Protein backbone atom coordinates (compact mmCIF):
# COMPACT_ATOMS: atom_id res chain seq x y z
CA MET A 1 116.62 48.05 -57.27
CA LYS A 2 117.54 46.47 -60.52
CA GLY A 3 121.20 46.11 -61.33
CA LYS A 4 122.97 47.48 -64.36
CA ALA A 5 124.79 45.42 -66.97
CA MET A 6 127.74 46.93 -68.83
CA ALA A 7 130.10 45.33 -71.32
CA TRP A 8 133.75 46.31 -71.42
CA THR A 9 136.38 45.66 -74.03
CA GLN A 10 140.08 46.41 -74.28
CA LYS A 11 141.11 49.72 -75.85
CA GLY A 12 144.76 50.58 -75.53
CA ARG A 13 145.92 50.10 -71.95
CA GLY A 14 142.53 50.76 -70.28
CA GLN A 15 139.03 49.42 -70.48
CA ARG A 16 136.01 51.00 -72.13
CA ARG A 17 132.51 50.18 -70.92
CA THR A 18 129.58 50.22 -73.33
CA PRO A 19 125.90 49.38 -72.69
CA LEU A 20 124.79 45.84 -73.39
CA LEU A 21 122.05 47.04 -75.73
CA GLY A 22 123.51 45.35 -78.81
CA VAL A 23 123.34 41.93 -77.20
CA LEU A 24 119.77 42.40 -76.00
CA LEU A 25 118.57 43.68 -79.38
CA GLY A 26 120.30 40.80 -81.11
CA LEU A 27 118.52 38.30 -78.90
CA ALA A 28 115.17 39.80 -79.84
CA VAL A 29 115.63 39.16 -83.55
CA MET A 30 117.85 36.08 -83.78
CA GLY A 31 116.54 32.73 -84.96
CA SER A 32 117.86 29.34 -83.96
CA ALA A 33 121.42 29.50 -82.66
CA PRO A 34 124.17 27.42 -84.24
CA GLN A 35 124.88 24.22 -82.35
CA SER A 36 128.69 24.44 -82.27
CA TRP A 37 128.53 25.51 -78.62
CA TYR A 38 126.63 22.39 -77.61
CA SER A 39 129.48 20.09 -76.66
CA PRO A 40 130.89 18.85 -73.34
CA GLY A 41 133.38 21.01 -71.49
CA LEU A 42 134.00 24.71 -70.93
CA HIS A 43 132.82 27.42 -73.32
CA ARG A 44 133.96 30.99 -72.64
CA ILE A 45 131.40 33.75 -73.07
CA GLU A 46 132.85 35.88 -75.84
CA GLN A 47 131.66 39.25 -74.52
CA MET A 48 132.82 40.06 -71.00
CA THR A 49 129.98 41.86 -69.23
CA ARG A 50 129.89 43.51 -65.83
CA TYR A 51 126.74 43.49 -63.69
CA ASP A 52 126.46 45.91 -60.76
CA TRP A 53 123.87 44.84 -58.21
CA THR A 54 122.81 46.01 -54.79
CA LEU A 55 122.13 43.10 -52.43
CA ASP A 56 121.22 43.77 -48.80
CA ASP A 57 122.11 47.44 -49.40
CA ARG A 58 125.66 46.52 -50.43
CA GLN A 59 127.29 46.45 -53.84
CA VAL A 60 128.04 43.16 -55.60
CA ILE A 61 129.86 42.92 -58.94
CA VAL A 62 129.31 39.92 -61.20
CA TYR A 63 131.08 38.94 -64.44
CA PRO A 64 129.74 35.88 -66.30
CA LEU A 65 132.81 33.98 -67.54
CA ALA A 66 131.92 30.60 -69.02
CA LEU A 67 129.40 27.83 -69.51
CA GLU A 68 130.26 24.23 -68.68
CA LEU A 69 128.21 21.32 -70.04
CA ASP A 70 128.61 17.92 -68.37
CA PHE A 71 126.77 15.35 -70.45
CA GLU A 72 127.66 12.44 -68.15
CA ARG A 73 126.19 14.05 -65.04
CA ALA A 74 123.50 15.95 -67.01
CA GLU A 75 124.56 19.21 -65.36
CA THR A 76 125.02 22.76 -66.62
CA THR A 77 127.36 25.13 -64.78
CA VAL A 78 127.46 28.88 -65.30
CA TRP A 79 130.82 30.19 -64.09
CA LEU A 80 130.98 33.70 -62.64
CA TYR A 81 133.41 36.07 -61.03
CA VAL A 82 131.72 37.60 -57.96
CA GLY A 83 133.31 40.49 -56.07
CA GLY A 84 132.79 43.94 -54.60
CA GLU A 85 134.49 47.33 -54.47
CA ARG A 86 132.73 49.69 -52.10
CA ALA A 87 132.68 49.80 -48.29
CA PRO A 88 136.09 48.16 -47.71
CA GLY A 89 136.07 45.59 -44.94
CA LYS A 90 132.29 45.13 -44.98
CA THR A 91 131.56 41.55 -45.97
CA ARG A 92 128.51 40.89 -48.11
CA TYR A 93 127.00 37.59 -49.25
CA PHE A 94 126.02 36.17 -52.62
CA CYS A 95 123.20 33.70 -51.93
CA PRO A 96 121.63 32.40 -55.16
CA ARG A 97 119.43 29.64 -53.71
CA GLY A 98 116.36 29.30 -55.92
CA ALA A 99 118.11 30.53 -59.09
CA SER A 100 116.90 29.03 -62.37
CA LEU A 101 118.23 28.73 -65.93
CA ARG A 102 116.03 29.09 -69.00
CA ASP A 103 117.02 28.56 -72.62
CA GLY A 104 114.37 30.33 -74.71
CA VAL A 105 113.10 27.04 -76.20
CA ARG A 106 111.65 24.90 -73.44
CA PRO A 107 108.83 26.24 -71.25
CA THR A 108 110.50 24.67 -68.20
CA THR A 109 113.63 25.89 -66.43
CA LEU A 110 116.64 24.18 -64.89
CA MET A 111 116.93 24.66 -61.13
CA LEU A 112 120.07 25.39 -59.15
CA SER A 113 121.49 22.27 -57.51
CA ARG A 114 124.57 23.58 -55.71
CA LEU A 115 127.43 26.07 -55.71
CA GLU A 116 131.09 25.51 -56.46
CA ALA A 117 133.49 28.02 -54.91
CA ALA A 118 136.73 28.24 -52.94
CA ALA A 119 134.75 28.77 -49.74
CA ILE A 120 131.02 28.27 -49.18
CA THR A 121 129.11 29.26 -46.08
CA THR A 122 125.53 28.41 -45.12
CA ARG A 123 123.29 31.20 -43.90
CA LYS A 124 119.99 30.66 -42.13
CA GLY A 125 117.09 30.76 -44.53
CA ARG A 126 119.37 31.49 -47.53
CA GLY A 127 121.19 28.22 -48.15
CA GLU A 128 124.67 28.10 -49.66
CA CYS A 129 126.35 31.50 -49.97
CA VAL A 130 129.70 32.97 -50.96
CA ALA A 131 131.17 35.65 -48.70
CA ILE A 132 132.56 38.67 -50.57
CA THR A 133 135.28 40.90 -49.17
CA PRO A 134 135.45 44.21 -51.09
CA ARG A 135 138.66 45.21 -52.87
CA ARG A 136 139.97 48.19 -54.76
CA GLU A 137 138.31 48.66 -58.17
CA GLU A 138 141.43 47.91 -60.20
CA ASN A 139 142.00 44.68 -58.25
CA VAL A 140 138.46 43.46 -58.93
CA GLN A 141 138.78 44.18 -62.65
CA ALA A 142 142.22 42.57 -62.84
CA GLN A 143 141.12 39.39 -61.10
CA ALA A 144 137.99 39.08 -63.24
CA ARG A 145 140.01 39.68 -66.41
CA THR A 146 142.61 37.08 -65.41
CA LEU A 147 139.95 34.44 -64.80
CA TYR A 148 138.25 35.33 -68.08
CA ASP A 149 141.47 35.17 -70.12
CA THR A 150 142.46 31.80 -68.64
CA VAL A 151 139.15 29.93 -69.00
CA GLY A 152 140.74 27.47 -71.43
CA THR A 153 143.38 26.49 -68.85
CA TRP A 154 141.04 25.83 -65.92
CA ARG A 155 141.42 22.37 -64.43
CA LEU A 156 138.14 21.70 -62.68
CA ARG A 157 137.89 17.90 -62.79
CA GLY A 158 140.13 14.87 -62.48
CA GLU A 159 143.51 14.27 -60.90
CA ASP A 160 144.99 17.57 -62.11
CA ALA A 161 142.10 19.68 -60.76
CA ARG A 162 143.21 22.90 -59.09
CA PRO A 163 141.57 24.79 -56.21
CA LEU A 164 139.17 27.49 -57.32
CA ASP A 165 140.34 31.10 -57.16
CA PRO A 166 138.69 33.61 -54.78
CA GLY A 167 135.67 35.07 -56.52
CA GLN A 168 135.34 32.14 -58.93
CA VAL A 169 131.81 30.80 -58.47
CA GLY A 170 130.02 28.01 -60.31
CA LEU A 171 126.21 27.81 -60.40
CA VAL A 172 125.43 24.14 -61.02
CA PHE A 173 122.00 23.44 -62.55
CA LEU A 174 120.37 20.04 -62.89
CA GLY A 175 119.87 19.16 -66.54
CA LEU A 176 121.11 20.48 -69.89
CA PRO A 177 119.78 23.33 -72.04
CA HIS A 178 118.22 22.72 -75.43
CA ARG A 179 120.82 22.36 -78.19
CA GLU A 180 119.03 25.02 -80.28
CA ALA A 181 118.75 27.55 -77.45
CA PRO A 182 119.22 31.11 -78.81
CA TYR A 183 120.23 32.40 -75.39
CA LEU A 184 120.65 31.37 -71.77
CA ALA A 185 119.30 33.40 -68.86
CA VAL A 186 119.95 32.92 -65.16
CA THR A 187 117.20 34.38 -62.98
CA PHE A 188 117.99 34.98 -59.31
CA PRO A 189 115.53 35.02 -56.39
CA PHE A 190 116.52 38.59 -55.51
CA GLY A 191 115.18 39.93 -58.82
CA GLU A 192 118.35 40.10 -60.95
CA GLU A 193 119.14 38.28 -64.18
CA ILE A 194 122.16 37.36 -66.31
CA LEU A 195 121.56 36.97 -70.04
CA PHE A 196 123.92 35.89 -72.82
CA SER A 197 123.58 34.60 -76.37
CA THR A 198 124.72 31.08 -77.23
CA ARG A 199 126.30 32.66 -80.32
CA ASP A 200 128.81 34.24 -77.94
CA LEU A 201 130.01 30.91 -76.54
CA GLN A 202 133.47 29.88 -77.72
């Protein structure tokens, strides 16, 4: 079953979720994207979007947070928050082996090289996976929002690098997207996809 993508923005003290239709329609008509996003380092995705998926009959929640471009290593990392709410105590696994990244310009795609996460487990026939322990809904939203709001302070490399937070997952792809890419899309082997415009990269 295909997952559902919803965007949510702050309104007063709560959150309001609205369909991601505006982003998808914009991608259909946009021309070449500006190149200001195409620089080394972290770029936060301006619109915070929630994806609800069902994997192995269990709910998984994904929030795309940021894009990282490493020109020296020629790697592209899409940073996510991955969590779950339902069925407390029932662990589920996020196993993206075989995921690919396309940029809307080149006919070829970038292939997933590895995961970065606080804890990675290997499952037979599924490669590297992240185990997800469900939490209460407000805790999932709070943790995702905290990671999103602090993207600019992440220390991922070098001597001052900090351990990754639970739920913080990096999908590392070999290669770099085209500098004029209008959008980036991550396609997963289980039939789901994450899509965001390069215009939304800060």
